[in-house]
């Protein structure tokens, strides 16, 4: 007995409608859990972008004037080489700094359009042997000829990363619990559908229906629930991104000024949301069919 698209769609839609309340509960549970997963991924990506300059153990940033002379630059390098508290340092030129600037302030197009590469200061990024000495070392360079500004906000960066890691852990934990709950809900929805159609299944077997002919509508039911839940979650992810951008712009948090969620970040998050949603829906229905459908 061959399958037809019309038959599969009709049977799947009928099963979903007959158990619409349980199906809706499963879809909403998937949507909430995947929205949490998406939030955790966006948080991780945003924090990674905003703390880009502090990677590799950097505890001190020395921004040079865009028009600093070679002698002024050499004076800074000499101090960096002679100070015993400095473990290592590296130079970031204007071109690289400008690319970072465009990433960090991607949420502020007016600012991007008003600043050219020639206006962006190069910088020295410094790793200290003792991070607690950052303020005192920073004072040595602050106000020095050719130096535009010194930033030693490393402690706040560490705090941000720790808070972010804790928040991500809690969010992912809740999401996993909800995804497991969604899997169980889908399993129960399919079980009820199988039970309500047990006589019909027996008749189909008697007239020669194959195992997959009987199973596919039930499998597609779980797949559909997972897909619809993922669609709702995908919309929530876009809303969460908009909320992040609004809060950062509204409250002008300096530490989060570079909390940028690019279109690529959002796209990858949406892909993860869709894949997880489909996997959860298919897995729940597969477990139910294997356990409760005797064919």
C-alpha atoms as a PDB file:
ATOM      1  CA  UNK A   1       0.000   0.000   0.000  1.00  0.00           C
ATOM      2  CA  UNK A   2       1.626   3.210  -1.185  1.00  0.00           C
ATOM      3  CA  UNK A   3       1.776   6.497   0.655  1.00  0.00           C
ATOM      4  CA  UNK A   4       0.302   9.706  -0.741  1.00  0.00           C
ATOM      5  CA  UNK A   5       1.079  13.223   0.401  1.00  0.00           C
ATOM      6  CA  UNK A   6      -2.635  13.980   0.725  1.00  0.00           C
ATOM      7  CA  UNK A   7      -3.167  10.992   3.026  1.00  0.00           C
ATOM      8  CA  UNK A   8      -0.191  11.834   5.253  1.00  0.00           C
ATOM      9  CA  UNK A   9      -1.181  15.508   5.561  1.00  0.00           C
ATOM     10  CA  UNK A  10      -4.832  14.662   6.264  1.00  0.00           C
ATOM     11  CA  UNK A  11      -4.002  12.074   8.926  1.00  0.00           C
ATOM     12  CA  UNK A  12      -1.380  14.270  10.593  1.00  0.00           C
ATOM     13  CA  UNK A  13      -3.693  17.293  10.692  1.00  0.00           C
ATOM     14  CA  UNK A  14      -6.532  15.128  12.012  1.00  0.00           C
ATOM     15  CA  UNK A  15      -4.382  13.759  14.830  1.00  0.00           C
ATOM     16  CA  UNK A  16      -3.184  17.240  15.776  1.00  0.00           C
ATOM     17  CA  UNK A  17      -6.728  18.594  15.832  1.00  0.00           C
ATOM     18  CA  UNK A  18      -8.139  15.699  17.883  1.00  0.00           C
ATOM     19  CA  UNK A  19      -5.458  16.268  20.538  1.00  0.00           C
ATOM     20  CA  UNK A  20      -5.178  20.008  20.012  1.00  0.00           C
ATOM     21  CA  UNK A  21      -4.831  21.021  23.659  1.00  0.00           C
ATOM     22  CA  UNK A  22      -2.016  18.568  24.369  1.00  0.00           C
ATOM     23  CA  UNK A  23      -0.399  19.410  21.029  1.00  0.00           C
ATOM     24  CA  UNK A  24      -0.575  23.129  21.842  1.00  0.00           C
ATOM     25  CA  UNK A  25       0.963  22.498  25.270  1.00  0.00           C
ATOM     26  CA  UNK A  26       3.810  20.540  23.670  1.00  0.00           C
ATOM     27  CA  UNK A  27       4.448  23.256  21.060  1.00  0.00           C
ATOM     28  CA  UNK A  28       4.448  26.055  23.625  1.00  0.00           C
ATOM     29  CA  UNK A  29       6.791  24.099  25.909  1.00  0.00           C
ATOM     30  CA  UNK A  30       9.175  23.588  22.990  1.00  0.00           C
ATOM     31  CA  UNK A  31       8.875  27.271  22.068  1.00  0.00           C
ATOM     32  CA  UNK A  32       9.683  28.481  25.593  1.00  0.00           C
ATOM     33  CA  UNK A  33      12.616  26.091  26.007  1.00  0.00           C
ATOM     34  CA  UNK A  34      14.091  26.968  22.607  1.00  0.00           C
ATOM     35  CA  UNK A  35      13.630  30.682  23.286  1.00  0.00           C
ATOM     36  CA  UNK A  36      15.720  30.152  26.429  1.00  0.00           C
ATOM     37  CA  UNK A  37      18.359  28.302  24.403  1.00  0.00           C
ATOM     38  CA  UNK A  38      18.382  31.159  21.887  1.00  0.00           C
ATOM     39  CA  UNK A  39      18.715  33.722  24.688  1.00  0.00           C
ATOM     40  CA  UNK A  40      21.706  31.890  26.154  1.00  0.00           C
ATOM     41  CA  UNK A  41      23.412  31.729  22.753  1.00  0.00           C
ATOM     42  CA  UNK A  42      22.767  35.425  22.064  1.00  0.00           C
ATOM     43  CA  UNK A  43      24.089  36.338  25.515  1.00  0.00           C
ATOM     44  CA  UNK A  44      27.245  34.317  24.917  1.00  0.00           C
ATOM     45  CA  UNK A  45      27.820  35.849  21.481  1.00  0.00           C
ATOM     46  CA  UNK A  46      27.145  39.387  22.695  1.00  0.00           C
ATOM     47  CA  UNK A  47      29.514  39.124  25.640  1.00  0.00           C
ATOM     48  CA  UNK A  48      32.209  37.574  23.412  1.00  0.00           C
ATOM     49  CA  UNK A  49      31.962  40.560  21.059  1.00  0.00           C
ATOM     50  CA  UNK A  50      31.948  43.206  23.787  1.00  0.00           C
ATOM     51  CA  UNK A  51      34.996  41.696  25.512  1.00  0.00           C
ATOM     52  CA  UNK A  52      36.990  41.028  22.328  1.00  0.00           C
ATOM     53  CA  UNK A  53      39.732  43.501  23.218  1.00  0.00           C
ATOM     54  CA  UNK A  54      40.339  41.780  26.553  1.00  0.00           C
ATOM     55  CA  UNK A  55      41.003  38.287  25.236  1.00  0.00           C
ATOM     56  CA  UNK A  56      44.308  36.551  25.894  1.00  0.00           C
ATOM     57  CA  UNK A  57      44.652  37.812  29.465  1.00  0.00           C
ATOM     58  CA  UNK A  58      44.840  41.503  28.499  1.00  0.00           C
ATOM     59  CA  UNK A  59      44.393  43.700  31.596  1.00  0.00           C
ATOM     60  CA  UNK A  60      45.437  47.107  30.268  1.00  0.00           C
ATOM     61  CA  UNK A  61      44.661  49.001  27.064  1.00  0.00           C
ATOM     62  CA  UNK A  62      46.825  51.959  26.038  1.00  0.00           C
ATOM     63  CA  UNK A  63      45.204  53.957  23.227  1.00  0.00           C
ATOM     64  CA  UNK A  64      47.605  56.144  21.268  1.00  0.00           C
ATOM     65  CA  UNK A  65      46.650  59.387  19.559  1.00  0.00           C
ATOM     66  CA  UNK A  66      45.848  58.778  15.867  1.00  0.00           C
ATOM     67  CA  UNK A  67      48.546  61.348  14.981  1.00  0.00           C
ATOM     68  CA  UNK A  68      51.127  60.300  17.593  1.00  0.00           C
ATOM     69  CA  UNK A  69      54.696  60.790  16.452  1.00  0.00           C
ATOM     70  CA  UNK A  70      57.246  58.003  16.121  1.00  0.00           C
ATOM     71  CA  UNK A  71      59.220  59.343  19.084  1.00  0.00           C
ATOM     72  CA  UNK A  72      56.121  59.345  21.288  1.00  0.00           C
ATOM     73  CA  UNK A  73      55.355  55.811  20.166  1.00  0.00           C
ATOM     74  CA  UNK A  74      58.926  54.683  20.896  1.00  0.00           C
ATOM     75  CA  UNK A  75      58.749  56.218  24.377  1.00  0.00           C
ATOM     76  CA  UNK A  76      55.691  54.106  25.201  1.00  0.00           C
ATOM     77  CA  UNK A  77      57.331  50.974  23.787  1.00  0.00           C
ATOM     78  CA  UNK A  78      60.470  51.601  25.847  1.00  0.00           C
ATOM     79  CA  UNK A  79      58.440  51.847  29.037  1.00  0.00           C
ATOM     80  CA  UNK A  80      56.510  48.694  28.178  1.00  0.00           C
ATOM     81  CA  UNK A  81      59.774  46.845  27.677  1.00  0.00           C
ATOM     82  CA  UNK A  82      61.403  48.080  30.877  1.00  0.00           C
ATOM     83  CA  UNK A  83      58.591  47.922  33.425  1.00  0.00           C
ATOM     84  CA  UNK A  84      59.038  44.689  35.437  1.00  0.00           C
ATOM     85  CA  UNK A  85      55.280  44.355  36.083  1.00  0.00           C
ATOM     86  CA  UNK A  86      54.521  43.788  32.406  1.00  0.00           C
ATOM     87  CA  UNK A  87      54.565  40.195  31.231  1.00  0.00           C
ATOM     88  CA  UNK A  88      53.946  40.921  27.536  1.00  0.00           C
ATOM     89  CA  UNK A  89      52.247  43.356  25.182  1.00  0.00           C
ATOM     90  CA  UNK A  90      51.224  43.586  21.549  1.00  0.00           C
ATOM     91  CA  UNK A  91      50.397  46.385  19.141  1.00  0.00           C
ATOM     92  CA  UNK A  92      47.052  46.781  17.322  1.00  0.00           C
ATOM     93  CA  UNK A  93      47.292  49.103  14.333  1.00  0.00           C
ATOM     94  CA  UNK A  94      44.643  51.460  12.947  1.00  0.00           C
ATOM     95  CA  UNK A  95      43.284  49.034  10.368  1.00  0.00           C
ATOM     96  CA  UNK A  96      42.613  46.282  12.903  1.00  0.00           C
ATOM     97  CA  UNK A  97      41.324  48.798  15.457  1.00  0.00           C
ATOM     98  CA  UNK A  98      38.913  50.203  12.863  1.00  0.00           C
ATOM     99  CA  UNK A  99      37.522  46.762  12.085  1.00  0.00           C
ATOM    100  CA  UNK A 100      37.003  46.150  15.803  1.00  0.00           C
ATOM    101  CA  UNK A 101      35.363  49.569  16.114  1.00  0.00           C
ATOM    102  CA  UNK A 102      32.877  48.652  13.365  1.00  0.00           C
ATOM    103  CA  UNK A 103      32.034  45.383  15.116  1.00  0.00           C
ATOM    104  CA  UNK A 104      31.700  46.931  18.576  1.00  0.00           C
ATOM    105  CA  UNK A 105      29.472  49.796  17.437  1.00  0.00           C
ATOM    106  CA  UNK A 106      27.469  47.997  14.764  1.00  0.00           C
ATOM    107  CA  UNK A 107      24.346  49.010  16.713  1.00  0.00           C
ATOM    108  CA  UNK A 108      25.114  52.704  16.155  1.00  0.00           C
ATOM    109  CA  UNK A 109      25.181  53.360  12.376  1.00  0.00           C
ATOM    110  CA  UNK A 110      25.257  57.150  12.830  1.00  0.00           C
ATOM    111  CA  UNK A 111      28.497  56.871  14.798  1.00  0.00           C
ATOM    112  CA  UNK A 112      30.010  54.472  12.258  1.00  0.00           C
ATOM    113  CA  UNK A 113      29.270  56.843   9.399  1.00  0.00           C
ATOM    114  CA  UNK A 114      30.827  59.787  11.211  1.00  0.00           C
ATOM    115  CA  UNK A 115      34.198  58.144  11.975  1.00  0.00           C
ATOM    116  CA  UNK A 116      36.866  57.204   9.453  1.00  0.00           C
ATOM    117  CA  UNK A 117      39.816  54.846   9.839  1.00  0.00           C
ATOM    118  CA  UNK A 118      42.241  57.756  10.177  1.00  0.00           C
ATOM    119  CA  UNK A 119      40.414  58.897  13.332  1.00  0.00           C
ATOM    120  CA  UNK A 120      40.699  55.541  15.101  1.00  0.00           C
ATOM    121  CA  UNK A 121      43.582  55.285  17.589  1.00  0.00           C
ATOM    122  CA  UNK A 122      45.987  52.349  17.480  1.00  0.00           C
ATOM    123  CA  UNK A 123      46.604  50.688  20.823  1.00  0.00           C
ATOM    124  CA  UNK A 124      48.897  48.563  22.933  1.00  0.00           C
ATOM    125  CA  UNK A 125      47.312  45.658  24.769  1.00  0.00           C
ATOM    126  CA  UNK A 126      49.158  44.688  27.893  1.00  0.00           C
ATOM    127  CA  UNK A 127      49.250  41.503  29.960  1.00  0.00           C
ATOM    128  CA  UNK A 128      50.421  42.091  33.528  1.00  0.00           C
ATOM    129  CA  UNK A 129      52.098  39.676  35.894  1.00  0.00           C
ATOM    130  CA  UNK A 130      49.778  40.898  38.645  1.00  0.00           C
ATOM    131  CA  UNK A 131      46.346  42.118  37.383  1.00  0.00           C
ATOM    132  CA  UNK A 132      45.787  44.124  40.575  1.00  0.00           C
ATOM    133  CA  UNK A 133      48.575  46.492  39.470  1.00  0.00           C
ATOM    134  CA  UNK A 134      46.578  47.624  36.413  1.00  0.00           C
ATOM    135  CA  UNK A 135      45.470  50.974  37.974  1.00  0.00           C
ATOM    136  CA  UNK A 136      48.999  51.940  39.060  1.00  0.00           C
ATOM    137  CA  UNK A 137      50.547  50.916  35.732  1.00  0.00           C
ATOM    138  CA  UNK A 138      47.781  52.732  33.895  1.00  0.00           C
ATOM    139  CA  UNK A 139      48.572  55.948  35.741  1.00  0.00           C
ATOM    140  CA  UNK A 140      52.136  55.816  34.426  1.00  0.00           C
ATOM    141  CA  UNK A 141      50.914  56.078  30.839  1.00  0.00           C
ATOM    142  CA  UNK A 142      47.835  58.233  31.420  1.00  0.00           C
ATOM    143  CA  UNK A 143      48.460  61.763  30.156  1.00  0.00           C
ATOM    144  CA  UNK A 144      51.786  60.862  28.578  1.00  0.00           C
ATOM    145  CA  UNK A 145      52.522  62.596  25.234  1.00  0.00           C
ATOM    146  CA  UNK A 146      51.006  60.639  22.386  1.00  0.00           C
ATOM    147  CA  UNK A 147      48.681  58.637  24.662  1.00  0.00           C
ATOM    148  CA  UNK A 148      44.985  59.290  24.099  1.00  0.00           C
ATOM    149  CA  UNK A 149      43.524  57.181  26.928  1.00  0.00           C
ATOM    150  CA  UNK A 150      44.221  54.241  29.211  1.00  0.00           C
ATOM    151  CA  UNK A 151      41.624  51.612  30.102  1.00  0.00           C
ATOM    152  CA  UNK A 152      42.068  49.088  32.892  1.00  0.00           C
ATOM    153  CA  UNK A 153      38.469  47.981  33.289  1.00  0.00           C
ATOM    154  CA  UNK A 154      39.541  44.341  33.402  1.00  0.00           C
ATOM    155  CA  UNK A 155      37.893  43.619  36.763  1.00  0.00           C
ATOM    156  CA  UNK A 156      34.520  44.729  35.431  1.00  0.00           C
ATOM    157  CA  UNK A 157      35.065  42.596  32.318  1.00  0.00           C
ATOM    158  CA  UNK A 158      35.782  39.560  34.490  1.00  0.00           C
ATOM    159  CA  UNK A 159      32.633  40.244  36.497  1.00  0.00           C
ATOM    160  CA  UNK A 160      30.597  40.520  33.308  1.00  0.00           C
ATOM    161  CA  UNK A 161      31.959  37.220  31.997  1.00  0.00           C
ATOM    162  CA  UNK A 162      31.297  35.439  35.307  1.00  0.00           C
ATOM    163  CA  UNK A 163      27.735  36.743  35.496  1.00  0.00           C
ATOM    164  CA  UNK A 164      27.239  35.786  31.859  1.00  0.00           C
ATOM    165  CA  UNK A 165      28.534  32.247  32.476  1.00  0.00           C
ATOM    166  CA  UNK A 166      26.249  31.779  35.483  1.00  0.00           C
ATOM    167  CA  UNK A 167      23.256  33.151  33.595  1.00  0.00           C
ATOM    168  CA  UNK A 168      23.970  30.904  30.609  1.00  0.00           C
ATOM    169  CA  UNK A 169      24.230  27.862  32.881  1.00  0.00           C
ATOM    170  CA  UNK A 170      20.913  28.604  34.587  1.00  0.00           C
ATOM    171  CA  UNK A 171      19.140  29.339  31.297  1.00  0.00           C
ATOM    172  CA  UNK A 172      20.470  26.208  29.584  1.00  0.00           C
ATOM    173  CA  UNK A 173      19.537  24.115  32.643  1.00  0.00           C
ATOM    174  CA  UNK A 174      15.961  25.368  32.539  1.00  0.00           C
ATOM    175  CA  UNK A 175      15.848  24.855  28.771  1.00  0.00           C
ATOM    176  CA  UNK A 176      17.005  21.228  29.070  1.00  0.00           C
ATOM    177  CA  UNK A 177      14.335  20.509  31.694  1.00  0.00           C
ATOM    178  CA  UNK A 178      11.668  22.068  29.484  1.00  0.00           C
ATOM    179  CA  UNK A 179      12.886  20.202  26.404  1.00  0.00           C
ATOM    180  CA  UNK A 180      12.665  16.919  28.294  1.00  0.00           C
ATOM    181  CA  UNK A 181       9.158  17.893  29.391  1.00  0.00           C
ATOM    182  CA  UNK A 182       8.269  18.703  25.781  1.00  0.00           C
ATOM    183  CA  UNK A 183       9.557  15.317  24.650  1.00  0.00           C
ATOM    184  CA  UNK A 184       7.359  13.594  27.228  1.00  0.00           C
ATOM    185  CA  UNK A 185       4.359  15.717  26.198  1.00  0.00           C
ATOM    186  CA  UNK A 186       4.846  14.806  22.541  1.00  0.00           C
ATOM    187  CA  UNK A 187       5.197  11.161  23.492  1.00  0.00           C
ATOM    188  CA  UNK A 188       1.891  11.326  25.365  1.00  0.00           C
ATOM    189  CA  UNK A 189       0.156  13.138  22.488  1.00  0.00           C
ATOM    190  CA  UNK A 190       1.241  10.398  20.070  1.00  0.00           C
ATOM    191  CA  UNK A 191       0.286   7.686  22.573  1.00  0.00           C
ATOM    192  CA  UNK A 192      -3.237   9.097  22.871  1.00  0.00           C
ATOM    193  CA  UNK A 193      -3.499   9.337  19.072  1.00  0.00           C
ATOM    194  CA  UNK A 194      -2.374   5.723  18.701  1.00  0.00           C
ATOM    195  CA  UNK A 195      -4.834   4.544  21.353  1.00  0.00           C
ATOM    196  CA  UNK A 196      -7.765   6.412  19.762  1.00  0.00           C
ATOM    197  CA  UNK A 197      -7.039   4.837  16.375  1.00  0.00           C
ATOM    198  CA  UNK A 198      -6.063   1.332  17.496  1.00  0.00           C
ATOM    199  CA  UNK A 199      -8.975  -0.311  15.671  1.00  0.00           C
ATOM    200  CA  UNK A 200      -8.217   1.624  12.496  1.00  0.00           C
ATOM    201  CA  UNK A 201      -4.597   0.491  12.731  1.00  0.00           C
ATOM    202  CA  UNK A 202      -5.716  -3.148  13.033  1.00  0.00           C
ATOM    203  CA  UNK A 203      -7.945  -2.806   9.967  1.00  0.00           C
ATOM    204  CA  UNK A 204      -5.103  -1.246   7.944  1.00  0.00           C
ATOM    205  CA  UNK A 205      -2.859  -4.164   8.869  1.00  0.00           C
ATOM    206  CA  UNK A 206      -5.525  -6.643   7.771  1.00  0.00           C
ATOM    207  CA  UNK A 207      -5.808  -5.013   4.345  1.00  0.00           C
ATOM    208  CA  UNK A 208      -2.049  -5.058   3.814  1.00  0.00           C
ATOM    209  CA  UNK A 209      -0.782  -1.664   4.989  1.00  0.00           C
ATOM    210  CA  UNK A 210       2.974  -1.589   5.557  1.00  0.00           C
ATOM    211  CA  UNK A 211       4.500  -0.639   8.909  1.00  0.00           C
ATOM    212  CA  UNK A 212       5.770   2.682   7.557  1.00  0.00           C
ATOM    213  CA  UNK A 213       2.387   3.482   6.004  1.00  0.00           C
ATOM    214  CA  UNK A 214       0.947   3.332   9.525  1.00  0.00           C
ATOM    215  CA  UNK A 215       3.860   4.950  11.336  1.00  0.00           C
ATOM    216  CA  UNK A 216       4.632   7.979   9.178  1.00  0.00           C
ATOM    217  CA  UNK A 217       1.523  10.084  10.057  1.00  0.00           C
ATOM    218  CA  UNK A 218       2.287   9.630  13.765  1.00  0.00           C
ATOM    219  CA  UNK A 219       5.971  10.447  13.220  1.00  0.00           C
ATOM    220  CA  UNK A 220       5.064  13.527  11.184  1.00  0.00           C
ATOM    221  CA  UNK A 221       2.765  14.688  13.986  1.00  0.00           C
ATOM    222  CA  UNK A 222       5.698  14.976  16.415  1.00  0.00           C
ATOM    223  CA  UNK A 223       7.869  16.541  13.721  1.00  0.00           C
ATOM    224  CA  UNK A 224       5.186  19.177  13.085  1.00  0.00           C
ATOM    225  CA  UNK A 225       4.865  20.004  16.773  1.00  0.00           C
ATOM    226  CA  UNK A 226       8.629  20.461  17.035  1.00  0.00           C
ATOM    227  CA  UNK A 227       8.754  22.579  13.873  1.00  0.00           C
ATOM    228  CA  UNK A 228       5.883  24.858  14.934  1.00  0.00           C
ATOM    229  CA  UNK A 229       7.418  25.250  18.384  1.00  0.00           C
ATOM    230  CA  UNK A 230      10.742  26.168  16.734  1.00  0.00           C
ATOM    231  CA  UNK A 231       8.993  28.757  14.527  1.00  0.00           C
ATOM    232  CA  UNK A 232       7.501  30.432  17.593  1.00  0.00           C
ATOM    233  CA  UNK A 233      10.897  30.339  19.322  1.00  0.00           C
ATOM    234  CA  UNK A 234      12.588  31.822  16.224  1.00  0.00           C
ATOM    235  CA  UNK A 235      10.246  34.796  16.431  1.00  0.00           C
ATOM    236  CA  UNK A 236      11.026  35.101  20.138  1.00  0.00           C
ATOM    237  CA  UNK A 237      14.778  35.122  19.390  1.00  0.00           C
ATOM    238  CA  UNK A 238      14.321  38.085  17.033  1.00  0.00           C
ATOM    239  CA  UNK A 239      12.292  39.866  19.706  1.00  0.00           C
ATOM    240  CA  UNK A 240      14.983  39.153  22.310  1.00  0.00           C
ATOM    241  CA  UNK A 241      17.649  40.591  20.011  1.00  0.00           C
ATOM    242  CA  UNK A 242      15.569  43.745  19.565  1.00  0.00           C
ATOM    243  CA  UNK A 243      15.112  43.944  23.349  1.00  0.00           C
ATOM    244  CA  UNK A 244      18.875  43.625  23.942  1.00  0.00           C
ATOM    245  CA  UNK A 245      19.559  46.420  21.466  1.00  0.00           C
ATOM    246  CA  UNK A 246      16.874  48.640  22.998  1.00  0.00           C
ATOM    247  CA  UNK A 247      18.124  48.185  26.579  1.00  0.00           C
ATOM    248  CA  UNK A 248      21.723  48.901  25.606  1.00  0.00           C
ATOM    249  CA  UNK A 249      20.743  52.016  23.652  1.00  0.00           C
ATOM    250  CA  UNK A 250      18.188  53.189  26.224  1.00  0.00           C
ATOM    251  CA  UNK A 251      20.366  52.891  29.335  1.00  0.00           C
ATOM    252  CA  UNK A 252      23.738  53.697  27.671  1.00  0.00           C
ATOM    253  CA  UNK A 253      25.689  51.063  29.639  1.00  0.00           C
ATOM    254  CA  UNK A 254      29.353  51.774  28.815  1.00  0.00           C
ATOM    255  CA  UNK A 255      30.503  48.227  29.526  1.00  0.00           C
ATOM    256  CA  UNK A 256      27.862  46.851  27.160  1.00  0.00           C
ATOM    257  CA  UNK A 257      28.347  49.417  24.402  1.00  0.00           C
ATOM    258  CA  UNK A 258      29.966  46.696  22.321  1.00  0.00           C
ATOM    259  CA  UNK A 259      27.273  44.123  23.066  1.00  0.00           C
ATOM    260  CA  UNK A 260      26.569  43.559  19.379  1.00  0.00           C
ATOM    261  CA  UNK A 261      24.432  40.765  17.970  1.00  0.00           C
ATOM    262  CA  UNK A 262      25.198  40.558  14.278  1.00  0.00           C
ATOM    263  CA  UNK A 263      22.896  39.098  11.639  1.00  0.00           C
ATOM    264  CA  UNK A 264      25.270  36.117  11.412  1.00  0.00           C
ATOM    265  CA  UNK A 265      24.969  35.510  15.176  1.00  0.00           C
ATOM    266  CA  UNK A 266      21.176  35.610  14.967  1.00  0.00           C
ATOM    267  CA  UNK A 267      21.110  33.365  11.878  1.00  0.00           C
ATOM    268  CA  UNK A 268      23.268  30.704  13.551  1.00  0.00           C
ATOM    269  CA  UNK A 269      21.080  30.882  16.659  1.00  0.00           C
ATOM    270  CA  UNK A 270      17.948  30.441  14.550  1.00  0.00           C
ATOM    271  CA  UNK A 271      19.488  27.387  12.865  1.00  0.00           C
ATOM    272  CA  UNK A 272      20.241  25.834  16.255  1.00  0.00           C
ATOM    273  CA  UNK A 273      16.672  26.569  17.398  1.00  0.00           C
ATOM    274  CA  UNK A 274      15.165  24.905  14.310  1.00  0.00           C
ATOM    275  CA  UNK A 275      17.431  21.853  14.489  1.00  0.00           C
ATOM    276  CA  UNK A 276      16.790  21.264  18.191  1.00  0.00           C
ATOM    277  CA  UNK A 277      13.033  21.763  17.752  1.00  0.00           C
ATOM    278  CA  UNK A 278      12.816  19.246  14.917  1.00  0.00           C
ATOM    279  CA  UNK A 279      15.019  16.736  16.764  1.00  0.00           C
ATOM    280  CA  UNK A 280      12.934  16.977  19.951  1.00  0.00           C
ATOM    281  CA  UNK A 281       9.651  16.597  18.053  1.00  0.00           C
ATOM    282  CA  UNK A 282      10.889  13.677  15.955  1.00  0.00           C
ATOM    283  CA  UNK A 283      12.498  11.955  18.917  1.00  0.00           C
ATOM    284  CA  UNK A 284       9.331  12.187  21.037  1.00  0.00           C
ATOM    285  CA  UNK A 285       7.166  10.761  18.263  1.00  0.00           C
ATOM    286  CA  UNK A 286       9.724   8.044  17.431  1.00  0.00           C
ATOM    287  CA  UNK A 287       9.793   6.888  21.052  1.00  0.00           C
ATOM    288  CA  UNK A 288       5.990   6.815  21.200  1.00  0.00           C
ATOM    289  CA  UNK A 289       5.645   4.879  17.938  1.00  0.00           C
ATOM    290  CA  UNK A 290       8.287   2.372  18.961  1.00  0.00           C
ATOM    291  CA  UNK A 291       6.755   1.821  22.379  1.00  0.00           C
ATOM    292  CA  UNK A 292       3.009   2.011  21.814  1.00  0.00           C
ATOM    293  CA  UNK A 293       2.366   1.222  18.150  1.00  0.00           C
ATOM    294  CA  UNK A 294       2.297  -2.525  17.582  1.00  0.00           C
ATOM    295  CA  UNK A 295       2.584  -3.143  13.859  1.00  0.00           C
END
